[in-house]
Protein backbone atom coordinates (compact mmCIF):
# COMPACT_ATOMS: atom_id res chain seq x y z
CA MET A 1 -4.44 -22.90 9.07
CA THR A 2 -3.58 -20.57 6.21
CA LYS A 3 -1.76 -17.38 7.20
CA ALA A 4 -0.90 -14.14 5.45
CA LEU A 5 0.91 -10.89 6.17
CA VAL A 6 -0.46 -7.71 4.59
CA ILE A 7 1.78 -4.70 3.98
CA LEU A 8 -0.62 -2.00 5.18
CA SER A 9 0.15 1.64 4.42
CA GLY A 10 -3.20 2.92 5.60
CA GLY A 11 -4.15 3.94 2.06
CA GLN A 12 -7.04 2.92 -0.17
CA ASP A 13 -5.35 0.03 -1.95
CA SER A 14 -3.69 -1.67 1.01
CA THR A 15 -6.92 -1.37 3.02
CA THR A 16 -8.81 -3.08 0.21
CA ALA A 17 -6.13 -5.77 -0.04
CA LEU A 18 -6.41 -6.39 3.70
CA PHE A 19 -10.13 -7.06 3.58
CA TRP A 20 -9.61 -9.35 0.58
CA ALA A 21 -7.00 -11.24 2.60
CA LYS A 22 -9.47 -11.73 5.45
CA GLN A 23 -11.74 -13.58 3.04
CA GLN A 24 -8.94 -15.75 1.73
CA PHE A 25 -6.93 -16.72 4.82
CA ASP A 26 -7.63 -18.09 8.27
CA VAL A 27 -5.10 -15.85 10.00
CA VAL A 28 -4.10 -12.37 8.79
CA GLU A 29 -1.56 -9.96 10.24
CA THR A 30 -0.46 -6.52 9.08
CA ILE A 31 2.82 -4.64 8.99
CA THR A 32 3.31 -0.90 8.46
CA PHE A 33 6.54 0.99 7.84
CA ASP A 34 7.43 4.41 9.20
CA TYR A 35 10.01 5.81 6.79
CA GLY A 36 9.61 9.47 7.65
CA GLN A 37 6.84 9.93 5.10
CA ARG A 38 5.36 13.35 4.51
CA HIS A 39 1.83 12.07 4.99
CA ARG A 40 2.49 10.62 8.43
CA ILE A 41 -1.21 10.56 9.17
CA GLU A 42 -1.30 7.31 7.19
CA LEU A 43 0.40 5.57 10.13
CA GLU A 44 -2.62 6.33 12.32
CA SER A 45 -4.88 5.29 9.45
CA ALA A 46 -3.13 1.93 9.21
CA LYS A 47 -3.53 1.35 12.94
CA LYS A 48 -7.24 2.22 12.80
CA VAL A 49 -7.89 0.07 9.73
CA ALA A 50 -6.15 -2.92 11.32
CA GLU A 51 -8.30 -2.45 14.44
CA MET A 52 -11.45 -2.37 12.31
CA ALA A 53 -10.34 -5.52 10.53
CA GLY A 54 -9.62 -7.17 13.87
CA VAL A 55 -6.07 -8.18 12.96
CA PRO A 56 -2.67 -7.75 14.66
CA HIS A 57 -0.69 -4.72 13.56
CA LYS A 58 3.10 -4.30 13.58
CA LEU A 59 4.72 -0.87 13.11
CA VAL A 60 8.36 -0.89 11.99
CA GLU A 61 10.60 2.17 11.76
CA VAL A 62 12.70 2.37 8.60
CA SER A 63 14.27 5.80 9.05
CA SER A 64 17.25 4.84 6.88
CA ILE A 65 15.12 5.46 3.77
CA LYS A 66 14.87 9.13 4.71
CA ALA A 67 18.65 9.26 5.04
CA LEU A 68 19.18 7.74 1.59
CA THR A 69 16.74 9.64 -0.58
CA ASN A 70 15.07 13.03 -0.77
CA THR A 71 11.74 12.94 -2.55
CA ALA A 72 8.43 14.77 -2.34
CA MET A 73 7.07 11.90 -0.25
CA ILE A 74 9.56 12.80 2.47
CA ASN A 75 10.10 16.54 2.18
CA ASP A 76 7.74 19.41 1.36
CA SER A 77 8.96 19.91 -2.20
CA GLU A 78 6.61 20.31 -5.14
CA ILE A 79 4.79 17.22 -6.36
CA THR A 80 5.59 17.14 -10.05
CA THR A 81 7.58 15.11 -12.60
CA ASN A 82 11.32 14.55 -12.31
CA THR A 83 12.73 15.95 -15.55
CA THR A 84 15.69 13.56 -15.42
CA THR A 85 13.92 10.25 -14.78
CA GLY A 86 10.45 11.07 -16.05
CA LEU A 87 9.03 9.63 -12.83
CA PRO A 88 6.90 11.55 -10.33
CA THR A 89 8.87 13.31 -7.60
CA THR A 90 6.85 11.23 -5.14
CA PHE A 91 8.69 8.08 -6.23
CA VAL A 92 10.80 6.71 -3.36
CA PRO A 93 13.56 4.55 -4.91
CA GLY A 94 13.47 0.99 -3.64
CA ARG A 95 10.60 1.56 -1.21
CA ASN A 96 8.44 -1.41 -2.13
CA LEU A 97 11.50 -3.61 -2.60
CA ILE A 98 12.62 -2.78 0.93
CA PHE A 99 9.14 -3.12 2.41
CA VAL A 100 8.50 -6.54 0.89
CA THR A 101 11.94 -7.80 1.91
CA LEU A 102 11.48 -6.63 5.51
CA ALA A 103 7.96 -8.04 5.58
CA ALA A 104 9.35 -11.35 4.37
CA ALA A 105 11.91 -11.39 7.19
CA TYR A 106 9.13 -10.78 9.71
CA ALA A 107 6.86 -13.38 8.09
CA TYR A 108 9.69 -15.93 8.05
CA GLU A 109 9.99 -15.73 11.83
CA LYS A 110 6.24 -16.30 12.18
CA GLY A 111 5.95 -19.13 9.68
CA ILE A 112 3.96 -17.07 7.18
CA SER A 113 4.62 -17.61 3.48
CA SER A 114 1.96 -15.39 1.85
CA LEU A 115 2.79 -11.69 1.55
CA ILE A 116 0.09 -9.34 0.29
CA ILE A 117 0.65 -5.88 -1.14
CA GLY A 118 -1.94 -3.58 -2.75
CA VAL A 119 0.04 -2.46 -5.80
CA SER A 120 -1.52 -1.88 -9.23
CA GLN A 121 0.19 -1.55 -12.60
CA VAL A 122 -2.90 -0.04 -14.25
CA ASP A 123 -3.91 3.20 -12.51
CA PHE A 124 -0.69 4.21 -10.82
CA SER A 125 1.86 7.00 -10.91
CA GLY A 126 4.44 5.24 -13.04
CA TYR A 127 6.30 3.68 -10.12
CA PRO A 128 8.38 0.77 -11.47
CA ASP A 129 8.11 -1.07 -8.15
CA CYS A 130 4.34 -1.42 -8.62
CA ARG A 131 4.61 -3.61 -11.71
CA LYS A 132 3.76 -7.30 -11.92
CA ASN A 133 7.19 -8.27 -13.25
CA THR A 134 8.84 -6.49 -10.32
CA MET A 135 6.77 -8.45 -7.83
CA GLU A 136 7.36 -11.74 -9.64
CA SER A 137 11.10 -11.16 -9.65
CA LEU A 138 11.09 -10.11 -6.00
CA GLU A 139 9.13 -13.21 -5.03
CA LYS A 140 11.80 -15.40 -6.59
CA THR A 141 14.63 -13.41 -5.03
CA ILE A 142 13.38 -13.45 -1.44
CA SER A 143 12.42 -17.12 -1.71
CA LEU A 144 15.94 -17.97 -2.84
CA GLY A 145 17.61 -15.62 -0.39
CA MET A 146 15.74 -17.01 2.63
CA ASP A 147 15.37 -20.56 1.33
CA TYR A 148 11.65 -20.29 1.98
CA ASP A 149 8.76 -20.58 -0.44
CA PHE A 150 7.22 -17.10 -0.32
CA LYS A 151 4.25 -16.03 -2.42
CA ILE A 152 3.67 -12.34 -3.12
CA LEU A 153 -0.03 -11.83 -3.75
CA THR A 154 -1.20 -8.69 -5.53
CA PRO A 155 -5.03 -8.78 -5.74
CA LEU A 156 -5.23 -5.30 -7.31
CA ILE A 157 -2.37 -5.61 -9.80
CA ASP A 158 -4.56 -5.53 -12.93
CA LYS A 159 -7.36 -3.31 -11.61
CA ASP A 160 -7.87 0.37 -12.35
CA LYS A 161 -9.21 2.63 -9.62
CA LYS A 162 -12.84 2.14 -10.63
CA GLU A 163 -12.40 -1.62 -10.44
CA THR A 164 -10.58 -1.26 -7.13
CA VAL A 165 -13.50 0.67 -5.63
CA LEU A 166 -15.99 -1.97 -6.80
CA PHE A 167 -13.67 -4.65 -5.45
CA ALA A 168 -13.52 -2.84 -2.10
CA GLN A 169 -17.30 -2.93 -1.98
CA GLU A 170 -17.25 -6.64 -2.78
CA VAL A 171 -14.83 -7.54 0.02
CA GLY A 172 -16.48 -5.29 2.60
CA ALA A 173 -13.78 -2.64 2.84
CA LEU A 174 -15.87 0.50 2.26
CA GLU A 175 -16.47 1.26 5.94
CA ALA A 176 -12.75 1.03 6.66
CA LEU A 177 -11.96 3.27 3.69
CA ALA A 178 -13.54 6.12 5.64
CA TYR A 179 -10.45 5.96 7.85
CA SER A 180 -7.88 5.40 5.10
CA HIS A 181 -5.57 8.14 3.91
CA THR A 182 -4.50 8.87 0.35
CA CYS A 183 -3.51 12.54 0.12
CA TYR A 184 0.21 12.92 -0.61
CA LYS A 185 0.25 16.22 1.24
CA GLY A 186 -1.06 14.60 4.41
CA GLN A 187 -4.01 16.95 4.65
CA VAL A 188 -7.30 16.24 6.41
CA PRO A 189 -9.66 16.70 4.72
CA PRO A 190 -7.64 15.65 1.66
CA CYS A 191 -6.34 18.42 -0.61
CA GLY A 192 -8.17 17.03 -3.64
CA GLU A 193 -5.43 18.34 -5.90
CA CYS A 194 -2.46 15.98 -5.63
CA PRO A 195 -2.23 13.01 -8.04
CA ALA A 196 -3.25 10.54 -5.33
CA CYS A 197 -6.38 12.52 -4.42
CA GLN A 198 -7.34 12.96 -8.06
CA LEU A 199 -6.90 9.28 -8.84
CA ARG A 200 -8.96 8.24 -5.84
CA ALA A 201 -11.73 10.69 -6.73
CA LYS A 202 -11.75 9.44 -10.33
CA GLY A 203 -12.20 5.85 -9.18
CA PHE A 204 -15.13 6.55 -6.89
CA LEU A 205 -16.78 8.81 -9.47
CA GLU A 206 -16.54 6.20 -12.23
CA ALA A 207 -17.75 3.46 -9.87
CA GLY A 208 -20.75 5.57 -8.89
CA ILE A 209 -20.01 5.12 -5.19
CA PRO A 210 -19.53 8.02 -2.72
CA ASP A 211 -16.07 8.04 -1.14
CA PRO A 212 -16.63 7.09 2.54
CA LEU A 213 -13.74 9.41 3.45
CA LEU A 214 -15.73 12.43 2.29
CA ILE A 215 -19.17 11.54 3.64
């Protein structure tokens, strides 16, 4: 039986990636990380989405990230651009690198070699840990470091938000997207103003599909 572990944040992209995984693998599990994120509602979203998908869900606390960095994804500071790095203030250094590595350790114990993450290098906020070359390098590193042949699968890596919405429709994720969470500010209903809300709205508008979250 083919098995996969999906890194599930509870957001639009990871929810879509989860439903894609269900079409591709016999057994699918999910893992979510609590790192003290500002939009903590996404933890409940991840749990609900996993329930809707009918897959096991593992919640792991990674509070050390909050102790190491201080970004707008953790505190209530303004969501803008870092004038020193040129990256959004929502960028959490090393987050995806840590998440994938921890997911690999969990997958290793369960005999799972396929790791799935819903990153995109097209419509994204400039995060360097969402790029294809980052994931390819990380795949090689964790495989060498654990002496285990991991595969990091990124079904959305070359899709913009419009394409991601259409893909979500194709894999049957739209119903679950009504319970996903995207707003960086953690607001319900979403603020509609932060970069994440604007990007999500743009994708659904261009795809000509109503956002299930707002219906």
